[in-house]
Amino acid sequence: MTVESFYRGGAGPPLLLLHGMTSSWRAWKPLLPMLEQHHEVWAVTMPGHLGGPELPDEPFAIESMVDALVARLDELGVDRAPHVVGNSLGGWAALELARRGRARSVVALSPAGAWAVPADLYRLLATFRVGALMAGWAPVRLLASCRPLRRLLLRTVSEHADRYSSKDVDVLFDDLAGCAALEPLLSAASMDTMIAPFEDAPCPIRIAWSGEDRTIPYRRYGPPMMDAVPDADLVVLPGVGHVPMVDNPALVAWTILQHTRYEVTS
């Protein structure tokens, strides 16, 4: 399957959008019209995901994924320090870009990468493995095409998954089927591979956690993330799930623009 590996649109200070595990740049489509009014928007598919660059031929590590991402950004000519927004795995990658001096500011939406105890790590791994197994079963895709069942079947994705169109559902399942990064990431995960703490915030960072996140709920995964990024601003987004862009596009766009536009005008 051939799909576009990035999207570019709008005008203004550059804004980079990074999606979560098993997704693609297309996850950001609901927000693009609002963000493009204020920014030159780059939505890029992450390495190891459908349409994105290949992962390095070595054991998985977040550092190597970010290396490949940086190479791709340089190839595309993305500004070396854009505002960066990431969801889940993309939120972790956004923080790592900031660590490297490659971000003017960061908004991380329910970022992955932190866990306090082994049970929380194992729960997270099991959630993704079961989700991938179920999504790979053809009847699940067929059932998800039915709007009344969509919200129930995709509750670990979004709180209001019934708002996805049939075409959006096809994109979700196609992206999952084409994701080569999932198994290497899950196999490599351990207590030692969580996000490294920041001594000081390298740029303004906002962590925006989905209030109804069933994949990475704040009560389990938020406190260790905030410990790792102690200078970050924390906000909770009510009524949205782990991938909040379809649940409430206006709220998510406002959360981003409130942060980036303050940085632009300050």
Foldseek 3Di string as FASTA:
>chain_A
DADAFKDWAAAEFEEEEEEAPLAGLVLQVLQVVVPRPHHGYMRGGFEQWVNHHHQPPDQDALVSSLVSVLVVCVVVVPQQAGAYEYAACGLLSQQVSLVVVRYQEYEYELYDFFFDDVVLLVLLLVVVVVLLVQLVDVVLLVQCQDLVCVCVSCVLPKNRRSLDHSVSSVNSSVRNVSRRVSVSVSVPDDNVRGDAADPARSHAYEYEYECSEPNRHCVGGVVRVCRRHVVYHYHYDYPIYRSRCSVDVVVVSCVSCVVVVVSVVD
